[in-house]
Amino acid sequence: MRKRFTDADKHGRAWYRKLKPKMKCALQYVWDECDIAGVWLSDFEALSFHVNEAVSEEEFNEAFSEKISKFDGDKYYVEGFITFQYGDKEGGVS
């Protein structure tokens, strides 16, 4: 079972508050489904299924262009994921 730290302060950030509810769910899905390096192999059909609302790749890219970067065709990298989950020094989260 994968476990993830979560940023409990995200609800107070303007960029997060401005997201549509389905995009908040989409973001949580990607945070939960990405691998240990913060890479999500895109599957918008599964994403839409779990959010229970259609989420297009274009809509996703527009909402998260500064938070999640597309690379290598169908992969996305969650910016800052490794540092947030594992810390920036040996020994854990700082």
PDB file of N, CA and C in Angstrom:
ATOM      1  N   MET A   1       0.833  -1.172   0.000  1.00  0.00           N
ATOM      2  CA  MET A   1       0.000   0.000   0.000  1.00  0.00           C
ATOM      3  C   MET A   1       0.885   1.246   0.000  1.00  0.00           C
ATOM      4  N   ARG A   2       0.628   2.114  -0.968  1.00  0.00           N
ATOM      5  CA  ARG A   2       1.346   3.384  -1.017  1.00  0.00           C
ATOM      6  C   ARG A   2       0.762   4.333   0.013  1.00  0.00           C
ATOM      7  N   LYS A   3       1.625   5.112   0.609  1.00  0.00           N
ATOM      8  CA  LYS A   3       1.191   6.149   1.531  1.00  0.00           C
ATOM      9  C   LYS A   3       1.783   7.460   1.059  1.00  0.00           C
ATOM     10  N   ARG A   4       1.034   8.532   1.247  1.00  0.00           N
ATOM     11  CA  ARG A   4       1.475   9.843   0.798  1.00  0.00           C
ATOM     12  C   ARG A   4       1.271  10.868   1.908  1.00  0.00           C
ATOM     13  N   PHE A   5       2.243  11.767   2.040  1.00  0.00           N
ATOM     14  CA  PHE A   5       2.019  12.952   2.848  1.00  0.00           C
ATOM     15  C   PHE A   5       1.094  13.859   2.051  1.00  0.00           C
ATOM     16  N   THR A   6       0.304  14.648   2.737  1.00  0.00           N
ATOM     17  CA  THR A   6      -0.551  15.615   2.063  1.00  0.00           C
ATOM     18  C   THR A   6      -0.314  17.000   2.664  1.00  0.00           C
ATOM     19  N   ASP A   7      -0.490  18.010   1.866  1.00  0.00           N
ATOM     20  CA  ASP A   7      -0.316  19.383   2.318  1.00  0.00           C
ATOM     21  C   ASP A   7      -1.665  19.887   2.838  1.00  0.00           C
ATOM     22  N   ALA A   8      -1.829  19.871   4.137  1.00  0.00           N
ATOM     23  CA  ALA A   8      -3.085  20.301   4.744  1.00  0.00           C
ATOM     24  C   ALA A   8      -3.338  21.797   4.563  1.00  0.00           C
ATOM     25  N   ASP A   9      -2.334  22.551   4.175  1.00  0.00           N
ATOM     26  CA  ASP A   9      -2.484  23.985   3.955  1.00  0.00           C
ATOM     27  C   ASP A   9      -2.972  24.334   2.549  1.00  0.00           C
ATOM     28  N   LYS A  10      -3.111  23.326   1.684  1.00  0.00           N
ATOM     29  CA  LYS A  10      -3.491  23.614   0.296  1.00  0.00           C
ATOM     30  C   LYS A  10      -4.829  24.341   0.208  1.00  0.00           C
ATOM     31  N   HIS A  11      -5.753  24.070   1.132  1.00  0.00           N
ATOM     32  CA  HIS A  11      -7.080  24.683   1.086  1.00  0.00           C
ATOM     33  C   HIS A  11      -7.033  26.188   1.285  1.00  0.00           C
ATOM     34  N   GLY A  12      -5.983  26.688   1.870  1.00  0.00           N
ATOM     35  CA  GLY A  12      -5.835  28.119   2.080  1.00  0.00           C
ATOM     36  C   GLY A  12      -5.124  28.831   0.946  1.00  0.00           C
ATOM     37  N   ARG A  13      -4.688  28.089  -0.048  1.00  0.00           N
ATOM     38  CA  ARG A  13      -3.952  28.698  -1.163  1.00  0.00           C
ATOM     39  C   ARG A  13      -4.919  29.083  -2.291  1.00  0.00           C
ATOM     40  N   ALA A  14      -4.744  30.288  -2.800  1.00  0.00           N
ATOM     41  CA  ALA A  14      -5.657  30.826  -3.814  1.00  0.00           C
ATOM     42  C   ALA A  14      -5.737  29.934  -5.049  1.00  0.00           C
ATOM     43  N   TRP A  15      -4.600  29.419  -5.526  1.00  0.00           N
ATOM     44  CA  TRP A  15      -4.613  28.603  -6.744  1.00  0.00           C
ATOM     45  C   TRP A  15      -5.485  27.363  -6.558  1.00  0.00           C
ATOM     46  N   TYR A  16      -5.478  26.798  -5.357  1.00  0.00           N
ATOM     47  CA  TYR A  16      -6.269  25.592  -5.087  1.00  0.00           C
ATOM     48  C   TYR A  16      -7.750  25.946  -4.935  1.00  0.00           C
ATOM     49  N   ARG A  17      -8.036  27.017  -4.225  1.00  0.00           N
ATOM     50  CA  ARG A  17      -9.433  27.436  -4.031  1.00  0.00           C
ATOM     51  C   ARG A  17     -10.117  27.746  -5.352  1.00  0.00           C
ATOM     52  N   LYS A  18      -9.350  28.229  -6.336  1.00  0.00           N
ATOM     53  CA  LYS A  18      -9.933  28.615  -7.617  1.00  0.00           C
ATOM     54  C   LYS A  18     -10.223  27.420  -8.533  1.00  0.00           C
ATOM     55  N   LEU A  19      -9.723  26.243  -8.187  1.00  0.00           N
ATOM     56  CA  LEU A  19      -9.982  25.060  -9.005  1.00  0.00           C
ATOM     57  C   LEU A  19     -11.439  24.638  -8.907  1.00  0.00           C
ATOM     58  N   LYS A  20     -11.974  24.132 -10.009  1.00  0.00           N
ATOM     59  CA  LYS A  20     -13.299  23.531  -9.990  1.00  0.00           C
ATOM     60  C   LYS A  20     -13.219  22.265  -9.136  1.00  0.00           C
ATOM     61  N   PRO A  21     -14.305  21.866  -8.500  1.00  0.00           N
ATOM     62  CA  PRO A  21     -14.283  20.654  -7.679  1.00  0.00           C
ATOM     63  C   PRO A  21     -13.740  19.416  -8.406  1.00  0.00           C
ATOM     64  N   LYS A  22     -14.112  19.242  -9.676  1.00  0.00           N
ATOM     65  CA  LYS A  22     -13.619  18.052 -10.386  1.00  0.00           C
ATOM     66  C   LYS A  22     -12.114  18.110 -10.591  1.00  0.00           C
ATOM     67  N   MET A  23     -11.563  19.328 -10.700  1.00  0.00           N
ATOM     68  CA  MET A  23     -10.122  19.441 -10.878  1.00  0.00           C
ATOM     69  C   MET A  23      -9.389  19.220  -9.557  1.00  0.00           C
ATOM     70  N   LYS A  24     -10.017  19.561  -8.437  1.00  0.00           N
ATOM     71  CA  LYS A  24      -9.436  19.229  -7.139  1.00  0.00           C
ATOM     72  C   LYS A  24      -9.363  17.712  -6.984  1.00  0.00           C
ATOM     73  N   CYS A  25     -10.416  17.029  -7.391  1.00  0.00           N
ATOM     74  CA  CYS A  25     -10.432  15.556  -7.340  1.00  0.00           C
ATOM     75  C   CYS A  25      -9.400  14.984  -8.299  1.00  0.00           C
ATOM     76  N   ALA A  26      -9.266  15.570  -9.474  1.00  0.00           N
ATOM     77  CA  ALA A  26      -8.281  15.102 -10.455  1.00  0.00           C
ATOM     78  C   ALA A  26      -6.873  15.246  -9.899  1.00  0.00           C
ATOM     79  N   LEU A  27      -6.593  16.355  -9.249  1.00  0.00           N
ATOM     80  CA  LEU A  27      -5.283  16.582  -8.664  1.00  0.00           C
ATOM     81  C   LEU A  27      -4.987  15.555  -7.581  1.00  0.00           C
ATOM     82  N   GLN A  28      -5.951  15.292  -6.727  1.00  0.00           N
ATOM     83  CA  GLN A  28      -5.767  14.301  -5.669  1.00  0.00           C
ATOM     84  C   GLN A  28      -5.527  12.915  -6.267  1.00  0.00           C
ATOM     85  N   TYR A  29      -6.248  12.588  -7.323  1.00  0.00           N
ATOM     86  CA  TYR A  29      -6.070  11.301  -7.994  1.00  0.00           C
ATOM     87  C   TYR A  29      -4.642  11.150  -8.517  1.00  0.00           C
ATOM     88  N   VAL A  30      -4.143  12.185  -9.185  1.00  0.00           N
ATOM     89  CA  VAL A  30      -2.786  12.131  -9.734  1.00  0.00           C
ATOM     90  C   VAL A  30      -1.761  12.045  -8.616  1.00  0.00           C
ATOM     91  N   TRP A  31      -1.940  12.815  -7.540  1.00  0.00           N
ATOM     92  CA  TRP A  31      -1.023  12.735  -6.399  1.00  0.00           C
ATOM     93  C   TRP A  31      -0.997  11.322  -5.824  1.00  0.00           C
ATOM     94  N   ASP A  32      -2.151  10.679  -5.774  1.00  0.00           N
ATOM     95  CA  ASP A  32      -2.229   9.320  -5.217  1.00  0.00           C
ATOM     96  C   ASP A  32      -1.718   8.256  -6.184  1.00  0.00           C
ATOM     97  N   GLU A  33      -1.903   8.463  -7.467  1.00  0.00           N
ATOM     98  CA  GLU A  33      -1.580   7.440  -8.461  1.00  0.00           C
ATOM     99  C   GLU A  33      -0.182   7.537  -9.055  1.00  0.00           C
ATOM    100  N   CYS A  34       0.502   8.639  -8.852  1.00  0.00           N
ATOM    101  CA  CYS A  34       1.845   8.751  -9.429  1.00  0.00           C
ATOM    102  C   CYS A  34       2.796   7.783  -8.726  1.00  0.00           C
ATOM    103  N   ASP A  35       3.902   7.501  -9.381  1.00  0.00           N
ATOM    104  CA  ASP A  35       4.870   6.571  -8.796  1.00  0.00           C
ATOM    105  C   ASP A  35       5.725   7.284  -7.745  1.00  0.00           C
ATOM    106  N   ILE A  36       6.706   6.583  -7.200  1.00  0.00           N
ATOM    107  CA  ILE A  36       7.505   7.143  -6.108  1.00  0.00           C
ATOM    108  C   ILE A  36       8.369   8.320  -6.539  1.00  0.00           C
ATOM    109  N   ALA A  37       8.506   8.520  -7.838  1.00  0.00           N
ATOM    110  CA  ALA A  37       9.271   9.663  -8.346  1.00  0.00           C
ATOM    111  C   ALA A  37       8.368  10.825  -8.741  1.00  0.00           C
ATOM    112  N   GLY A  38       7.041  10.664  -8.547  1.00  0.00           N
ATOM    113  CA  GLY A  38       6.113  11.724  -8.909  1.00  0.00           C
ATOM    114  C   GLY A  38       5.717  11.713 -10.367  1.00  0.00           C
ATOM    115  N   VAL A  39       5.867  10.562 -11.025  1.00  0.00           N
ATOM    116  CA  VAL A  39       5.518  10.440 -12.441  1.00  0.00           C
ATOM    117  C   VAL A  39       4.190   9.703 -12.573  1.00  0.00           C
ATOM    118  N   TRP A  40       3.267  10.311 -13.301  1.00  0.00           N
ATOM    119  CA  TRP A  40       1.967   9.705 -13.577  1.00  0.00           C
ATOM    120  C   TRP A  40       1.899   9.372 -15.057  1.00  0.00           C
ATOM    121  N   LEU A  41       1.680   8.106 -15.373  1.00  0.00           N
ATOM    122  CA  LEU A  41       1.464   7.678 -16.750  1.00  0.00           C
ATOM    123  C   LEU A  41       0.008   7.991 -17.064  1.00  0.00           C
ATOM    124  N   SER A  42      -0.212   8.997 -17.886  1.00  0.00           N
ATOM    125  CA  SER A  42      -1.563   9.529 -18.063  1.00  0.00           C
ATOM    126  C   SER A  42      -2.553   8.484 -18.555  1.00  0.00           C
ATOM    127  N   ASP A  43      -3.711   8.524 -17.952  1.00  0.00           N
ATOM    128  CA  ASP A  43      -4.844   7.687 -18.328  1.00  0.00           C
ATOM    129  C   ASP A  43      -6.084   8.513 -18.000  1.00  0.00           C
ATOM    130  N   PHE A  44      -6.500   9.335 -18.956  1.00  0.00           N
ATOM    131  CA  PHE A  44      -7.602  10.251 -18.716  1.00  0.00           C
ATOM    132  C   PHE A  44      -8.939   9.534 -18.640  1.00  0.00           C
ATOM    133  N   GLU A  45      -9.029   8.339 -19.214  1.00  0.00           N
ATOM    134  CA  GLU A  45     -10.250   7.548 -19.063  1.00  0.00           C
ATOM    135  C   GLU A  45     -10.405   7.115 -17.605  1.00  0.00           C
ATOM    136  N   ALA A  46      -9.337   6.601 -16.995  1.00  0.00           N
ATOM    137  CA  ALA A  46      -9.382   6.197 -15.590  1.00  0.00           C
ATOM    138  C   ALA A  46      -9.578   7.409 -14.687  1.00  0.00           C
ATOM    139  N   LEU A  47      -8.882   8.486 -14.982  1.00  0.00           N
ATOM    140  CA  LEU A  47      -9.017   9.716 -14.198  1.00  0.00           C
ATOM    141  C   LEU A  47     -10.467  10.176 -14.195  1.00  0.00           C
ATOM    142  N   SER A  48     -11.078  10.232 -15.364  1.00  0.00           N
ATOM    143  CA  SER A  48     -12.475  10.658 -15.477  1.00  0.00           C
ATOM    144  C   SER A  48     -13.409   9.707 -14.736  1.00  0.00           C
ATOM    145  N   PHE A  49     -13.132   8.418 -14.802  1.00  0.00           N
ATOM    146  CA  PHE A  49     -13.936   7.427 -14.089  1.00  0.00           C
ATOM    147  C   PHE A  49     -13.898   7.684 -12.580  1.00  0.00           C
ATOM    148  N   HIS A  50     -12.701   7.885 -12.051  1.00  0.00           N
ATOM    149  CA  HIS A  50     -12.560   8.055 -10.603  1.00  0.00           C
ATOM    150  C   HIS A  50     -13.060   9.409 -10.116  1.00  0.00           C
ATOM    151  N   VAL A  51     -13.008  10.415 -10.966  1.00  0.00           N
ATOM    152  CA  VAL A  51     -13.528  11.738 -10.617  1.00  0.00           C
ATOM    153  C   VAL A  51     -15.046  11.776 -10.827  1.00  0.00           C
ATOM    154  N   ASN A  52     -15.552  10.827 -11.612  1.00  0.00           N
ATOM    155  CA  ASN A  52     -16.973  10.710 -11.939  1.00  0.00           C
ATOM    156  C   ASN A  52     -17.465  11.882 -12.783  1.00  0.00           C
ATOM    157  N   GLU A  53     -16.538  12.415 -13.583  1.00  0.00           N
ATOM    158  CA  GLU A  53     -16.850  13.510 -14.496  1.00  0.00           C
ATOM    159  C   GLU A  53     -15.736  13.541 -15.537  1.00  0.00           C
ATOM    160  N   ALA A  54     -16.085  13.856 -16.774  1.00  0.00           N
ATOM    161  CA  ALA A  54     -15.083  13.891 -17.832  1.00  0.00           C
ATOM    162  C   ALA A  54     -14.034  14.966 -17.571  1.00  0.00           C
ATOM    163  N   VAL A  55     -12.767  14.570 -17.676  1.00  0.00           N
ATOM    164  CA  VAL A  55     -11.641  15.500 -17.572  1.00  0.00           C
ATOM    165  C   VAL A  55     -10.801  15.300 -18.824  1.00  0.00           C
ATOM    166  N   SER A  56     -10.718  16.333 -19.654  1.00  0.00           N
ATOM    167  CA  SER A  56      -9.933  16.232 -20.879  1.00  0.00           C
ATOM    168  C   SER A  56      -8.466  16.548 -20.587  1.00  0.00           C
ATOM    169  N   GLU A  57      -7.605  16.063 -21.459  1.00  0.00           N
ATOM    170  CA  GLU A  57      -6.184  16.354 -21.310  1.00  0.00           C
ATOM    171  C   GLU A  57      -5.930  17.854 -21.415  1.00  0.00           C
ATOM    172  N   GLU A  58      -6.637  18.523 -22.309  1.00  0.00           N
ATOM    173  CA  GLU A  58      -6.472  19.958 -22.477  1.00  0.00           C
ATOM    174  C   GLU A  58      -6.868  20.718 -21.209  1.00  0.00           C
ATOM    175  N   GLU A  59      -7.983  20.327 -20.629  1.00  0.00           N
ATOM    176  CA  GLU A  59      -8.461  20.958 -19.397  1.00  0.00           C
ATOM    177  C   GLU A  59      -7.471  20.723 -18.254  1.00  0.00           C
ATOM    178  N   PHE A  60      -6.954  19.513 -18.173  1.00  0.00           N
ATOM    179  CA  PHE A  60      -5.975  19.150 -17.154  1.00  0.00           C
ATOM    180  C   PHE A  60      -4.707  19.990 -17.316  1.00  0.00           C
ATOM    181  N   ASN A  61      -4.201  20.057 -18.540  1.00  0.00           N
ATOM    182  CA  ASN A  61      -2.979  20.827 -18.803  1.00  0.00           C
ATOM    183  C   ASN A  61      -3.162  22.298 -18.472  1.00  0.00           C
ATOM    184  N   GLU A  62      -4.314  22.844 -18.793  1.00  0.00           N
ATOM    185  CA  GLU A  62      -4.578  24.256 -18.508  1.00  0.00           C
ATOM    186  C   GLU A  62      -4.638  24.509 -16.997  1.00  0.00           C
ATOM    187  N   ALA A  63      -5.287  23.626 -16.257  1.00  0.00           N
ATOM    188  CA  ALA A  63      -5.451  23.811 -14.814  1.00  0.00           C
ATOM    189  C   ALA A  63      -4.140  23.647 -14.049  1.00  0.00           C
ATOM    190  N   PHE A  64      -3.268  22.747 -14.530  1.00  0.00           N
ATOM    191  CA  PHE A  64      -2.083  22.391 -13.747  1.00  0.00           C
ATOM    192  C   PHE A  64      -0.762  22.677 -14.450  1.00  0.00           C
ATOM    193  N   SER A  65      -0.759  23.594 -15.387  1.00  0.00           N
ATOM    194  CA  SER A  65       0.453  23.875 -16.171  1.00  0.00           C
ATOM    195  C   SER A  65       1.643  24.279 -15.309  1.00  0.00           C
ATOM    196  N   GLU A  66       1.407  24.865 -14.152  1.00  0.00           N
ATOM    197  CA  GLU A  66       2.508  25.279 -13.282  1.00  0.00           C
ATOM    198  C   GLU A  66       2.804  24.269 -12.183  1.00  0.00           C
ATOM    199  N   LYS A  67       1.993  23.235 -12.066  1.00  0.00           N
ATOM    200  CA  LYS A  67       2.151  22.260 -10.983  1.00  0.00           C
ATOM    201  C   LYS A  67       2.559  20.881 -11.484  1.00  0.00           C
ATOM    202  N   ILE A  68       2.169  20.558 -12.712  1.00  0.00           N
ATOM    203  CA  ILE A  68       2.414  19.225 -13.265  1.00  0.00           C
ATOM    204  C   ILE A  68       2.887  19.393 -14.707  1.00  0.00           C
ATOM    205  N   SER A  69       4.050  18.811 -15.026  1.00  0.00           N
ATOM    206  CA  SER A  69       4.651  18.982 -16.352  1.00  0.00           C
ATOM    207  C   SER A  69       4.538  17.716 -17.180  1.00  0.00           C
ATOM    208  N   LYS A  70       4.124  17.880 -18.427  1.00  0.00           N
ATOM    209  CA  LYS A  70       4.042  16.750 -19.346  1.00  0.00           C
ATOM    210  C   LYS A  70       5.409  16.512 -19.972  1.00  0.00           C
ATOM    211  N   PHE A  71       5.773  15.236 -20.143  1.00  0.00           N
ATOM    212  CA  PHE A  71       7.024  14.899 -20.811  1.00  0.00           C
ATOM    213  C   PHE A  71       6.922  13.520 -21.433  1.00  0.00           C
ATOM    214  N   ASP A  72       7.810  13.234 -22.338  1.00  0.00           N
ATOM    215  CA  ASP A  72       7.936  11.907 -22.942  1.00  0.00           C
ATOM    216  C   ASP A  72       6.600  11.348 -23.429  1.00  0.00           C
ATOM    217  N   GLY A  73       5.824  12.182 -24.088  1.00  0.00           N
ATOM    218  CA  GLY A  73       4.573  11.731 -24.701  1.00  0.00           C
ATOM    219  C   GLY A  73       3.375  11.690 -23.777  1.00  0.00           C
ATOM    220  N   ASP A  74       3.310  10.679 -22.931  1.00  0.00           N
ATOM    221  CA  ASP A  74       2.108  10.483 -22.118  1.00  0.00           C
ATOM    222  C   ASP A  74       2.393  10.440 -20.617  1.00  0.00           C
ATOM    223  N   LYS A  75       3.501  11.031 -20.213  1.00  0.00           N
ATOM    224  CA  LYS A  75       3.863  11.046 -18.797  1.00  0.00           C
ATOM    225  C   LYS A  75       3.780  12.465 -18.251  1.00  0.00           C
ATOM    226  N   TYR A  76       3.461  12.532 -16.965  1.00  0.00           N
ATOM    227  CA  TYR A  76       3.398  13.812 -16.273  1.00  0.00           C
ATOM    228  C   TYR A  76       4.244  13.723 -15.017  1.00  0.00           C
ATOM    229  N   TYR A  77       4.913  14.826 -14.685  1.00  0.00           N
ATOM    230  CA  TYR A  77       5.726  14.907 -13.481  1.00  0.00           C
ATOM    231  C   TYR A  77       5.106  15.919 -12.528  1.00  0.00           C
ATOM    232  N   VAL A  78       4.853  15.486 -11.304  1.00  0.00           N
ATOM    233  CA  VAL A  78       4.312  16.366 -10.272  1.00  0.00           C
ATOM    234  C   VAL A  78       5.486  17.158  -9.689  1.00  0.00           C
ATOM    235  N   GLU A  79       5.511  18.454  -9.976  1.00  0.00           N
ATOM    236  CA  GLU A  79       6.611  19.313  -9.536  1.00  0.00           C
ATOM    237  C   GLU A  79       6.737  19.294  -8.007  1.00  0.00           C
ATOM    238  N   GLY A  80       7.939  19.124  -7.519  1.00  0.00           N
ATOM    239  CA  GLY A  80       8.207  19.157  -6.091  1.00  0.00           C
ATOM    240  C   GLY A  80       7.803  17.917  -5.315  1.00  0.00           C
ATOM    241  N   PHE A  81       7.320  16.890  -6.016  1.00  0.00           N
ATOM    242  CA  PHE A  81       6.809  15.685  -5.345  1.00  0.00           C
ATOM    243  C   PHE A  81       7.867  15.001  -4.488  1.00  0.00           C
ATOM    244  N   ILE A  82       9.037  14.773  -5.052  1.00  0.00           N
ATOM    245  CA  ILE A  82      10.082  14.026  -4.339  1.00  0.00           C
ATOM    246  C   ILE A  82      10.506  14.773  -3.077  1.00  0.00           C
ATOM    247  N   THR A  83      10.759  16.056  -3.197  1.00  0.00           N
ATOM    248  CA  THR A  83      11.176  16.848  -2.041  1.00  0.00           C
ATOM    249  C   THR A  83      10.087  16.852  -0.972  1.00  0.00           C
ATOM    250  N   PHE A  84       8.830  17.005  -1.386  1.00  0.00           N
ATOM    251  CA  PHE A  84       7.739  17.049  -0.418  1.00  0.00           C
ATOM    252  C   PHE A  84       7.566  15.702   0.282  1.00  0.00           C
ATOM    253  N   GLN A  85       7.622  14.611  -0.485  1.00  0.00           N
ATOM    254  CA  GLN A  85       7.381  13.286   0.098  1.00  0.00           C
ATOM    255  C   GLN A  85       8.549  12.759   0.892  1.00  0.00           C
ATOM    256  N   TYR A  86       9.774  13.033   0.452  1.00  0.00           N
ATOM    257  CA  TYR A  86      10.937  12.383   1.030  1.00  0.00           C
ATOM    258  C   TYR A  86      11.928  13.344   1.685  1.00  0.00           C
ATOM    259  N   GLY A  87      11.696  14.631   1.536  1.00  0.00           N
ATOM    260  CA  GLY A  87      12.601  15.622   2.105  1.00  0.00           C
ATOM    261  C   GLY A  87      13.726  15.958   1.151  1.00  0.00           C
ATOM    262  N   ASP A  88      14.463  16.995   1.462  1.00  0.00           N
ATOM    263  CA  ASP A  88      15.534  17.421   0.576  1.00  0.00           C
ATOM    264  C   ASP A  88      16.905  17.028   1.108  1.00  0.00           C
ATOM    265  N   LYS A  89      16.942  16.274   2.196  1.00  0.00           N
ATOM    266  CA  LYS A  89      18.195  15.809   2.768  1.00  0.00           C
ATOM    267  C   LYS A  89      18.030  14.353   3.166  1.00  0.00           C
ATOM    268  N   GLU A  90      19.122  13.673   3.323  1.00  0.00           N
ATOM    269  CA  GLU A  90      19.039  12.322   3.860  1.00  0.00           C
ATOM    270  C   GLU A  90      18.441  12.403   5.255  1.00  0.00           C
ATOM    271  N   GLY A  91      17.612  11.453   5.574  1.00  0.00           N
ATOM    272  CA  GLY A  91      17.034  11.443   6.905  1.00  0.00           C
ATOM    273  C   GLY A  91      15.566  11.841   6.944  1.00  0.00           C
ATOM    274  N   GLY A  92      14.992  12.176   5.793  1.00  0.00           N
ATOM    275  CA  GLY A  92      13.556  12.384   5.777  1.00  0.00           C
ATOM    276  C   GLY A  92      13.100  13.792   5.490  1.00  0.00           C
ATOM    277  N   VAL A  93      11.857  14.015   5.794  1.00  0.00           N
ATOM    278  CA  VAL A  93      11.208  15.287   5.504  1.00  0.00           C
ATOM    279  C   VAL A  93      11.747  16.352   6.433  1.00  0.00           C
ATOM    280  N   SER A  94      12.036  17.506   5.843  1.00  0.00           N
ATOM    281  CA  SER A  94      12.549  18.606   6.675  1.00  0.00           C
ATOM    282  C   SER A  94      11.528  19.701   6.811  1.00  0.00           C
TER     283      SER A  94
END
